[in-house]
Amino acid sequence: MPRPRLCRKIGFRPGVAYFKPRGVPLVDLEIVNLSVEELEAVRLKNVKGLDQTECAKRMHTSQSTFQRILSSAYKKIAEALVFGKAIEIVKDNK
């Protein structure tokens, strides 16, 4: 049985739920799900400009877990940009 998932601190709630390529109806697009915690990791690292140790502290997680969350977010964002997919921001990534 896996360890129970710890509650991570999120200091930001997005005002939108989707990002998509311009001029293409959402129904015609594949969707990549980006969790709120992945978005928070990108925000702390890239928008706030914090180092990974500080980001991990703010999210109440280990640095290695923060790195995994950030890597997952980067991969999903890159996939959406390269292949013209929509990004849906979801509360949890099930």
PDB file of N, CA and C in Angstrom:
ATOM      1  N   MET A   1       0.850  -1.183   0.000  1.00  0.00           N
ATOM      2  CA  MET A   1       0.000   0.000   0.000  1.00  0.00           C
ATOM      3  C   MET A   1       0.893   1.242   0.000  1.00  0.00           C
ATOM      4  N   PRO A   2       0.646   2.204  -0.917  1.00  0.00           N
ATOM      5  CA  PRO A   2       1.491   3.393  -0.978  1.00  0.00           C
ATOM      6  C   PRO A   2       1.261   4.312   0.218  1.00  0.00           C
ATOM      7  N   ARG A   3       2.260   5.136   0.460  1.00  0.00           N
ATOM      8  CA  ARG A   3       2.144   6.128   1.529  1.00  0.00           C
ATOM      9  C   ARG A   3       1.016   7.098   1.212  1.00  0.00           C
ATOM     10  N   PRO A   4       0.309   7.573   2.254  1.00  0.00           N
ATOM     11  CA  PRO A   4      -0.724   8.575   1.983  1.00  0.00           C
ATOM     12  C   PRO A   4      -0.087   9.875   1.490  1.00  0.00           C
ATOM     13  N   ARG A   5      -0.743  10.524   0.590  1.00  0.00           N
ATOM     14  CA  ARG A   5      -0.229  11.757   0.019  1.00  0.00           C
ATOM     15  C   ARG A   5      -0.371  12.902   1.018  1.00  0.00           C
ATOM     16  N   LEU A   6       0.700  13.671   1.195  1.00  0.00           N
ATOM     17  CA  LEU A   6       0.671  14.793   2.117  1.00  0.00           C
ATOM     18  C   LEU A   6      -0.024  15.986   1.478  1.00  0.00           C
ATOM     19  N   CYS A   7      -0.606  16.821   2.305  1.00  0.00           N
ATOM     20  CA  CYS A   7      -1.257  18.035   1.834  1.00  0.00           C
ATOM     21  C   CYS A   7      -0.186  19.082   1.542  1.00  0.00           C
ATOM     22  N   ARG A   8      -0.159  19.583   0.332  1.00  0.00           N
ATOM     23  CA  ARG A   8       0.827  20.589  -0.056  1.00  0.00           C
ATOM     24  C   ARG A   8       0.181  21.958  -0.034  1.00  0.00           C
ATOM     25  N   LYS A   9       0.941  22.932   0.398  1.00  0.00           N
ATOM     26  CA  LYS A   9       0.421  24.291   0.504  1.00  0.00           C
ATOM     27  C   LYS A   9       0.428  24.965  -0.864  1.00  0.00           C
ATOM     28  N   ILE A  10      -0.719  25.513  -1.229  1.00  0.00           N
ATOM     29  CA  ILE A  10      -0.872  26.229  -2.489  1.00  0.00           C
ATOM     30  C   ILE A  10      -1.221  27.676  -2.130  1.00  0.00           C
ATOM     31  N   GLY A  11      -0.393  28.621  -2.564  1.00  0.00           N
ATOM     32  CA  GLY A  11      -0.604  30.024  -2.222  1.00  0.00           C
ATOM     33  C   GLY A  11      -1.241  30.822  -3.337  1.00  0.00           C
ATOM     34  N   PHE A  12      -1.882  30.151  -4.300  1.00  0.00           N
ATOM     35  CA  PHE A  12      -2.413  30.826  -5.477  1.00  0.00           C
ATOM     36  C   PHE A  12      -3.549  30.001  -6.053  1.00  0.00           C
ATOM     37  N   ARG A  13      -4.603  30.654  -6.404  1.00  0.00           N
ATOM     38  CA  ARG A  13      -5.713  29.997  -7.110  1.00  0.00           C
ATOM     39  C   ARG A  13      -5.891  30.686  -8.449  1.00  0.00           C
ATOM     40  N   PRO A  14      -5.788  29.943  -9.538  1.00  0.00           N
ATOM     41  CA  PRO A  14      -5.909  30.577 -10.859  1.00  0.00           C
ATOM     42  C   PRO A  14      -7.322  31.103 -11.101  1.00  0.00           C
ATOM     43  N   GLY A  15      -7.402  32.175 -11.847  1.00  0.00           N
ATOM     44  CA  GLY A  15      -8.695  32.755 -12.178  1.00  0.00           C
ATOM     45  C   GLY A  15      -9.338  32.112 -13.393  1.00  0.00           C
ATOM     46  N   VAL A  16      -8.611  31.261 -14.073  1.00  0.00           N
ATOM     47  CA  VAL A  16      -9.136  30.580 -15.262  1.00  0.00           C
ATOM     48  C   VAL A  16      -8.902  29.079 -15.127  1.00  0.00           C
ATOM     49  N   ALA A  17      -9.650  28.298 -15.877  1.00  0.00           N
ATOM     50  CA  ALA A  17      -9.514  26.845 -15.806  1.00  0.00           C
ATOM     51  C   ALA A  17      -8.885  26.256 -17.070  1.00  0.00           C
ATOM     52  N   TYR A  18      -8.868  27.030 -18.172  1.00  0.00           N
ATOM     53  CA  TYR A  18      -8.340  26.513 -19.442  1.00  0.00           C
ATOM     54  C   TYR A  18      -7.451  27.543 -20.133  1.00  0.00           C
ATOM     55  N   PHE A  19      -6.464  27.036 -20.851  1.00  0.00           N
ATOM     56  CA  PHE A  19      -5.701  27.801 -21.822  1.00  0.00           C
ATOM     57  C   PHE A  19      -5.729  26.972 -23.095  1.00  0.00           C
ATOM     58  N   LYS A  20      -5.908  27.626 -24.231  1.00  0.00           N
ATOM     59  CA  LYS A  20      -5.996  26.879 -25.474  1.00  0.00           C
ATOM     60  C   LYS A  20      -5.436  27.705 -26.619  1.00  0.00           C
ATOM     61  N   PRO A  21      -5.067  27.031 -27.704  1.00  0.00           N
ATOM     62  CA  PRO A  21      -4.619  27.763 -28.886  1.00  0.00           C
ATOM     63  C   PRO A  21      -5.750  28.651 -29.421  1.00  0.00           C
ATOM     64  N   ARG A  22      -5.393  29.814 -29.858  1.00  0.00           N
ATOM     65  CA  ARG A  22      -6.358  30.778 -30.380  1.00  0.00           C
ATOM     66  C   ARG A  22      -6.970  30.286 -31.696  1.00  0.00           C
ATOM     67  N   GLY A  23      -8.256  30.484 -31.840  1.00  0.00           N
ATOM     68  CA  GLY A  23      -8.930  30.179 -33.089  1.00  0.00           C
ATOM     69  C   GLY A  23      -9.352  28.738 -33.268  1.00  0.00           C
ATOM     70  N   VAL A  24      -9.100  27.901 -32.274  1.00  0.00           N
ATOM     71  CA  VAL A  24      -9.494  26.491 -32.372  1.00  0.00           C
ATOM     72  C   VAL A  24     -10.513  26.221 -31.265  1.00  0.00           C
ATOM     73  N   PRO A  25     -11.703  25.735 -31.614  1.00  0.00           N
ATOM     74  CA  PRO A  25     -12.701  25.440 -30.575  1.00  0.00           C
ATOM     75  C   PRO A  25     -12.176  24.379 -29.596  1.00  0.00           C
ATOM     76  N   LEU A  26     -12.495  24.565 -28.334  1.00  0.00           N
ATOM     77  CA  LEU A  26     -12.038  23.643 -27.290  1.00  0.00           C
ATOM     78  C   LEU A  26     -12.474  22.207 -27.563  1.00  0.00           C
ATOM     79  N   VAL A  27     -13.647  22.029 -28.143  1.00  0.00           N
ATOM     80  CA  VAL A  27     -14.137  20.670 -28.412  1.00  0.00           C
ATOM     81  C   VAL A  27     -13.273  19.935 -29.432  1.00  0.00           C
ATOM     82  N   ASP A  28     -12.491  20.672 -30.219  1.00  0.00           N
ATOM     83  CA  ASP A  28     -11.638  20.063 -31.241  1.00  0.00           C
ATOM     84  C   ASP A  28     -10.223  19.774 -30.738  1.00  0.00           C
ATOM     85  N   LEU A  29      -9.941  20.095 -29.489  1.00  0.00           N
ATOM     86  CA  LEU A  29      -8.579  19.962 -28.962  1.00  0.00           C
ATOM     87  C   LEU A  29      -8.443  18.818 -27.977  1.00  0.00           C
ATOM     88  N   GLU A  30      -7.261  18.212 -27.971  1.00  0.00           N
ATOM     89  CA  GLU A  30      -6.911  17.305 -26.888  1.00  0.00           C
ATOM     90  C   GLU A  30      -6.582  18.173 -25.683  1.00  0.00           C
ATOM     91  N   ILE A  31      -6.789  17.632 -24.487  1.00  0.00           N
ATOM     92  CA  ILE A  31      -6.586  18.410 -23.268  1.00  0.00           C
ATOM     93  C   ILE A  31      -5.502  17.765 -22.413  1.00  0.00           C
ATOM     94  N   VAL A  32      -4.597  18.600 -21.916  1.00  0.00           N
ATOM     95  CA  VAL A  32      -3.571  18.188 -20.962  1.00  0.00           C
ATOM     96  C   VAL A  32      -4.005  18.714 -19.598  1.00  0.00           C
ATOM     97  N   ASN A  33      -4.074  17.840 -18.594  1.00  0.00           N
ATOM     98  CA  ASN A  33      -4.467  18.253 -17.244  1.00  0.00           C
ATOM     99  C   ASN A  33      -3.250  18.674 -16.439  1.00  0.00           C
ATOM    100  N   LEU A  34      -3.267  19.908 -15.956  1.00  0.00           N
ATOM    101  CA  LEU A  34      -2.208  20.457 -15.120  1.00  0.00           C
ATOM    102  C   LEU A  34      -2.803  20.678 -13.735  1.00  0.00           C
ATOM    103  N   SER A  35      -2.238  20.025 -12.727  1.00  0.00           N
ATOM    104  CA  SER A  35      -2.788  20.159 -11.383  1.00  0.00           C
ATOM    105  C   SER A  35      -2.444  21.532 -10.802  1.00  0.00           C
ATOM    106  N   VAL A  36      -3.234  21.944  -9.817  1.00  0.00           N
ATOM    107  CA  VAL A  36      -2.992  23.221  -9.153  1.00  0.00           C
ATOM    108  C   VAL A  36      -1.616  23.216  -8.499  1.00  0.00           C
ATOM    109  N   GLU A  37      -1.182  22.079  -7.963  1.00  0.00           N
ATOM    110  CA  GLU A  37       0.148  22.034  -7.342  1.00  0.00           C
ATOM    111  C   GLU A  37       1.257  22.160  -8.381  1.00  0.00           C
ATOM    112  N   GLU A  38       1.053  21.621  -9.580  1.00  0.00           N
ATOM    113  CA  GLU A  38       2.035  21.799 -10.653  1.00  0.00           C
ATOM    114  C   GLU A  38       2.097  23.269 -11.074  1.00  0.00           C
ATOM    115  N   LEU A  39       0.935  23.901 -11.172  1.00  0.00           N
ATOM    116  CA  LEU A  39       0.896  25.325 -11.507  1.00  0.00           C
ATOM    117  C   LEU A  39       1.580  26.154 -10.423  1.00  0.00           C
ATOM    118  N   GLU A  40       1.365  25.804  -9.175  1.00  0.00           N
ATOM    119  CA  GLU A  40       2.011  26.513  -8.063  1.00  0.00           C
ATOM    120  C   GLU A  40       3.533  26.355  -8.130  1.00  0.00           C
ATOM    121  N   ALA A  41       4.004  25.173  -8.464  1.00  0.00           N
ATOM    122  CA  ALA A  41       5.449  24.948  -8.588  1.00  0.00           C
ATOM    123  C   ALA A  41       6.045  25.833  -9.681  1.00  0.00           C
ATOM    124  N   VAL A  42       5.372  25.923 -10.822  1.00  0.00           N
ATOM    125  CA  VAL A  42       5.844  26.780 -11.920  1.00  0.00           C
ATOM    126  C   VAL A  42       5.811  28.244 -11.481  1.00  0.00           C
ATOM    127  N   ARG A  43       4.770  28.633 -10.791  1.00  0.00           N
ATOM    128  CA  ARG A  43       4.642  30.023 -10.324  1.00  0.00           C
ATOM    129  C   ARG A  43       5.775  30.390  -9.373  1.00  0.00           C
ATOM    130  N   LEU A  44       6.028  29.544  -8.400  1.00  0.00           N
ATOM    131  CA  LEU A  44       7.078  29.842  -7.424  1.00  0.00           C
ATOM    132  C   LEU A  44       8.460  29.892  -8.070  1.00  0.00           C
ATOM    133  N   LYS A  45       8.742  28.926  -8.930  1.00  0.00           N
ATOM    134  CA  LYS A  45      10.068  28.827  -9.545  1.00  0.00           C
ATOM    135  C   LYS A  45      10.279  29.873 -10.625  1.00  0.00           C
ATOM    136  N   ASN A  46       9.328  30.042 -11.517  1.00  0.00           N
ATOM    137  CA  ASN A  46       9.535  30.886 -12.695  1.00  0.00           C
ATOM    138  C   ASN A  46       8.992  32.305 -12.569  1.00  0.00           C
ATOM    139  N   VAL A  47       7.883  32.483 -11.896  1.00  0.00           N
ATOM    140  CA  VAL A  47       7.326  33.826 -11.751  1.00  0.00           C
ATOM    141  C   VAL A  47       7.948  34.539 -10.553  1.00  0.00           C
ATOM    142  N   LYS A  48       7.999  33.847  -9.421  1.00  0.00           N
ATOM    143  CA  LYS A  48       8.591  34.437  -8.222  1.00  0.00           C
ATOM    144  C   LYS A  48      10.119  34.404  -8.254  1.00  0.00           C
ATOM    145  N   GLY A  49      10.706  33.483  -9.038  1.00  0.00           N
ATOM    146  CA  GLY A  49      12.157  33.394  -9.161  1.00  0.00           C
ATOM    147  C   GLY A  49      12.858  32.816  -7.946  1.00  0.00           C
ATOM    148  N   LEU A  50      12.167  31.984  -7.190  1.00  0.00           N
ATOM    149  CA  LEU A  50      12.751  31.384  -5.986  1.00  0.00           C
ATOM    150  C   LEU A  50      13.589  30.162  -6.346  1.00  0.00           C
ATOM    151  N   ASP A  51      14.547  29.828  -5.483  1.00  0.00           N
ATOM    152  CA  ASP A  51      15.298  28.591  -5.714  1.00  0.00           C
ATOM    153  C   ASP A  51      14.454  27.409  -5.232  1.00  0.00           C
ATOM    154  N   GLN A  52      14.850  26.216  -5.641  1.00  0.00           N
ATOM    155  CA  GLN A  52      14.024  25.036  -5.361  1.00  0.00           C
ATOM    156  C   GLN A  52      13.863  24.757  -3.874  1.00  0.00           C
ATOM    157  N   THR A  53      14.885  25.056  -3.095  1.00  0.00           N
ATOM    158  CA  THR A  53      14.790  24.823  -1.652  1.00  0.00           C
ATOM    159  C   THR A  53      13.696  25.687  -1.047  1.00  0.00           C
ATOM    160  N   GLU A  54      13.674  26.960  -1.408  1.00  0.00           N
ATOM    161  CA  GLU A  54      12.642  27.873  -0.898  1.00  0.00           C
ATOM    162  C   GLU A  54      11.269  27.490  -1.420  1.00  0.00           C
ATOM    163  N   CYS A  55      11.175  27.107  -2.680  1.00  0.00           N
ATOM    164  CA  CYS A  55       9.895  26.671  -3.251  1.00  0.00           C
ATOM    165  C   CYS A  55       9.353  25.464  -2.486  1.00  0.00           C
ATOM    166  N   ALA A  56      10.213  24.503  -2.234  1.00  0.00           N
ATOM    167  CA  ALA A  56       9.802  23.290  -1.508  1.00  0.00           C
ATOM    168  C   ALA A  56       9.316  23.642  -0.106  1.00  0.00           C
ATOM    169  N   LYS A  57      10.004  24.550   0.567  1.00  0.00           N
ATOM    170  CA  LYS A  57       9.569  24.978   1.905  1.00  0.00           C
ATOM    171  C   LYS A  57       8.190  25.612   1.855  1.00  0.00           C
ATOM    172  N   ARG A  58       7.980  26.468   0.865  1.00  0.00           N
ATOM    173  CA  ARG A  58       6.686  27.155   0.754  1.00  0.00           C
ATOM    174  C   ARG A  58       5.550  26.202   0.431  1.00  0.00           C
ATOM    175  N   MET A  59       5.855  25.109  -0.271  1.00  0.00           N
ATOM    176  CA  MET A  59       4.824  24.129  -0.596  1.00  0.00           C
ATOM    177  C   MET A  59       4.731  23.012   0.450  1.00  0.00           C
ATOM    178  N   HIS A  60       5.570  23.087   1.479  1.00  0.00           N
ATOM    179  CA  HIS A  60       5.583  22.082   2.555  1.00  0.00           C
ATOM    180  C   HIS A  60       5.866  20.685   2.013  1.00  0.00           C
ATOM    181  N   THR A  61       6.911  20.583   1.203  1.00  0.00           N
ATOM    182  CA  THR A  61       7.296  19.300   0.639  1.00  0.00           C
ATOM    183  C   THR A  61       8.821  19.228   0.579  1.00  0.00           C
ATOM    184  N   SER A  62       9.353  18.071   0.233  1.00  0.00           N
ATOM    185  CA  SER A  62      10.803  17.933   0.110  1.00  0.00           C
ATOM    186  C   SER A  62      11.260  18.531  -1.219  1.00  0.00           C
ATOM    187  N   GLN A  63      12.538  18.819  -1.292  1.00  0.00           N
ATOM    188  CA  GLN A  63      13.085  19.395  -2.524  1.00  0.00           C
ATOM    189  C   GLN A  63      12.968  18.398  -3.680  1.00  0.00           C
ATOM    190  N   SER A  64      13.192  17.118  -3.404  1.00  0.00           N
ATOM    191  CA  SER A  64      13.100  16.124  -4.478  1.00  0.00           C
ATOM    192  C   SER A  64      11.657  15.976  -4.977  1.00  0.00           C
ATOM    193  N   THR A  65      10.691  16.047  -4.083  1.00  0.00           N
ATOM    194  CA  THR A  65       9.288  15.995  -4.494  1.00  0.00           C
ATOM    195  C   THR A  65       8.929  17.238  -5.295  1.00  0.00           C
ATOM    196  N   PHE A  66       9.423  18.393  -4.846  1.00  0.00           N
ATOM    197  CA  PHE A  66       9.178  19.625  -5.603  1.00  0.00           C
ATOM    198  C   PHE A  66       9.731  19.492  -7.018  1.00  0.00           C
ATOM    199  N   GLN A  67      10.934  18.936  -7.158  1.00  0.00           N
ATOM    200  CA  GLN A  67      11.548  18.766  -8.473  1.00  0.00           C
ATOM    201  C   GLN A  67      10.701  17.855  -9.356  1.00  0.00           C
ATOM    202  N   ARG A  68      10.143  16.790  -8.798  1.00  0.00           N
ATOM    203  CA  ARG A  68       9.278  15.892  -9.575  1.00  0.00           C
ATOM    204  C   ARG A  68       8.008  16.611 -10.031  1.00  0.00           C
ATOM    205  N   ILE A  69       7.417  17.402  -9.143  1.00  0.00           N
ATOM    206  CA  ILE A  69       6.213  18.161  -9.490  1.00  0.00           C
ATOM    207  C   ILE A  69       6.526  19.148 -10.618  1.00  0.00           C
ATOM    208  N   LEU A  70       7.637  19.875 -10.482  1.00  0.00           N
ATOM    209  CA  LEU A  70       8.036  20.868 -11.476  1.00  0.00           C
ATOM    210  C   LEU A  70       8.335  20.217 -12.831  1.00  0.00           C
ATOM    211  N   SER A  71       9.044  19.103 -12.820  1.00  0.00           N
ATOM    212  CA  SER A  71       9.361  18.392 -14.065  1.00  0.00           C
ATOM    213  C   SER A  71       8.099  17.920 -14.769  1.00  0.00           C
ATOM    214  N   SER A  72       7.152  17.422 -13.998  1.00  0.00           N
ATOM    215  CA  SER A  72       5.881  16.977 -14.563  1.00  0.00           C
ATOM    216  C   SER A  72       5.146  18.151 -15.203  1.00  0.00           C
ATOM    217  N   ALA A  73       5.141  19.296 -14.532  1.00  0.00           N
ATOM    218  CA  ALA A  73       4.476  20.486 -15.065  1.00  0.00           C
ATOM    219  C   ALA A  73       5.134  20.939 -16.356  1.00  0.00           C
ATOM    220  N   TYR A  74       6.469  21.000 -16.375  1.00  0.00           N
ATOM    221  CA  TYR A  74       7.184  21.419 -17.582  1.00  0.00           C
ATOM    222  C   TYR A  74       6.867  20.504 -18.767  1.00  0.00           C
ATOM    223  N   LYS A  75       6.824  19.203 -18.507  1.00  0.00           N
ATOM    224  CA  LYS A  75       6.547  18.240 -19.574  1.00  0.00           C
ATOM    225  C   LYS A  75       5.149  18.461 -20.151  1.00  0.00           C
ATOM    226  N   LYS A  76       4.173  18.666 -19.289  1.00  0.00           N
ATOM    227  CA  LYS A  76       2.797  18.867 -19.741  1.00  0.00           C
ATOM    228  C   LYS A  76       2.648  20.177 -20.509  1.00  0.00           C
ATOM    229  N   ILE A  77       3.267  21.240 -20.015  1.00  0.00           N
ATOM    230  CA  ILE A  77       3.185  22.537 -20.690  1.00  0.00           C
ATOM    231  C   ILE A  77       3.862  22.461 -22.056  1.00  0.00           C
ATOM    232  N   ALA A  78       5.024  21.828 -22.109  1.00  0.00           N
ATOM    233  CA  ALA A  78       5.727  21.682 -23.381  1.00  0.00           C
ATOM    234  C   ALA A  78       4.900  20.872 -24.375  1.00  0.00           C
ATOM    235  N   GLU A  79       4.285  19.796 -23.921  1.00  0.00           N
ATOM    236  CA  GLU A  79       3.448  18.968 -24.796  1.00  0.00           C
ATOM    237  C   GLU A  79       2.297  19.790 -25.373  1.00  0.00           C
ATOM    238  N   ALA A  80       1.661  20.600 -24.527  1.00  0.00           N
ATOM    239  CA  ALA A  80       0.547  21.429 -24.991  1.00  0.00           C
ATOM    240  C   ALA A  80       1.013  22.456 -26.021  1.00  0.00           C
ATOM    241  N   LEU A  81       2.162  23.075 -25.785  1.00  0.00           N
ATOM    242  CA  LEU A  81       2.666  24.083 -26.715  1.00  0.00           C
ATOM    243  C   LEU A  81       3.107  23.475 -28.042  1.00  0.00           C
ATOM    244  N   VAL A  82       3.838  22.376 -27.966  1.00  0.00           N
ATOM    245  CA  VAL A  82       4.388  21.761 -29.180  1.00  0.00           C
ATOM    246  C   VAL A  82       3.299  21.129 -30.045  1.00  0.00           C
ATOM    247  N   PHE A  83       2.332  20.483 -29.419  1.00  0.00           N
ATOM    248  CA  PHE A  83       1.311  19.765 -30.175  1.00  0.00           C
ATOM    249  C   PHE A  83      -0.028  20.497 -30.267  1.00  0.00           C
ATOM    250  N   GLY A  84      -0.082  21.747 -29.813  1.00  0.00           N
ATOM    251  CA  GLY A  84      -1.304  22.530 -29.930  1.00  0.00           C
ATOM    252  C   GLY A  84      -2.470  21.995 -29.134  1.00  0.00           C
ATOM    253  N   LYS A  85      -2.214  21.576 -27.896  1.00  0.00           N
ATOM    254  CA  LYS A  85      -3.267  21.044 -27.033  1.00  0.00           C
ATOM    255  C   LYS A  85      -3.724  22.120 -26.048  1.00  0.00           C
ATOM    256  N   ALA A  86      -4.915  21.937 -25.507  1.00  0.00           N
ATOM    257  CA  ALA A  86      -5.424  22.821 -24.470  1.00  0.00           C
ATOM    258  C   ALA A  86      -4.871  22.378 -23.121  1.00  0.00           C
ATOM    259  N   ILE A  87      -4.758  23.309 -22.191  1.00  0.00           N
ATOM    260  CA  ILE A  87      -4.334  23.001 -20.827  1.00  0.00           C
ATOM    261  C   ILE A  87      -5.527  23.262 -19.904  1.00  0.00           C
ATOM    262  N   GLU A  88      -5.911  22.239 -19.151  1.00  0.00           N
ATOM    263  CA  GLU A  88      -6.958  22.391 -18.143  1.00  0.00           C
ATOM    264  C   GLU A  88      -6.292  22.364 -16.778  1.00  0.00           C
ATOM    265  N   ILE A  89      -6.605  23.347 -15.956  1.00  0.00           N
ATOM    266  CA  ILE A  89      -6.064  23.389 -14.598  1.00  0.00           C
ATOM    267  C   ILE A  89      -7.092  22.718 -13.690  1.00  0.00           C
ATOM    268  N   VAL A  90      -6.655  21.633 -13.048  1.00  0.00           N
ATOM    269  CA  VAL A  90      -7.564  20.835 -12.222  1.00  0.00           C
ATOM    270  C   VAL A  90      -7.109  20.858 -10.763  1.00  0.00           C
ATOM    271  N   LYS A  91      -8.074  20.682  -9.866  1.00  0.00           N
ATOM    272  CA  LYS A  91      -7.754  20.714  -8.437  1.00  0.00           C
ATOM    273  C   LYS A  91      -6.808  19.602  -8.021  1.00  0.00           C
ATOM    274  N   ASP A  92      -7.063  18.405  -8.441  1.00  0.00           N
ATOM    275  CA  ASP A  92      -6.139  17.305  -8.144  1.00  0.00           C
ATOM    276  C   ASP A  92      -5.975  16.456  -9.382  1.00  0.00           C
ATOM    277  N   ASN A  93      -4.844  15.767  -9.446  1.00  0.00           N
ATOM    278  CA  ASN A  93      -4.469  15.043 -10.632  1.00  0.00           C
ATOM    279  C   ASN A  93      -4.726  13.561 -10.422  1.00  0.00           C
ATOM    280  N   LYS A  94      -5.974  13.119 -10.640  1.00  0.00           N
ATOM    281  CA  LYS A  94      -6.322  11.711 -10.414  1.00  0.00           C
ATOM    282  C   LYS A  94      -6.333  10.957 -11.702  1.00  0.00           C
TER     283      LYS A  94
END
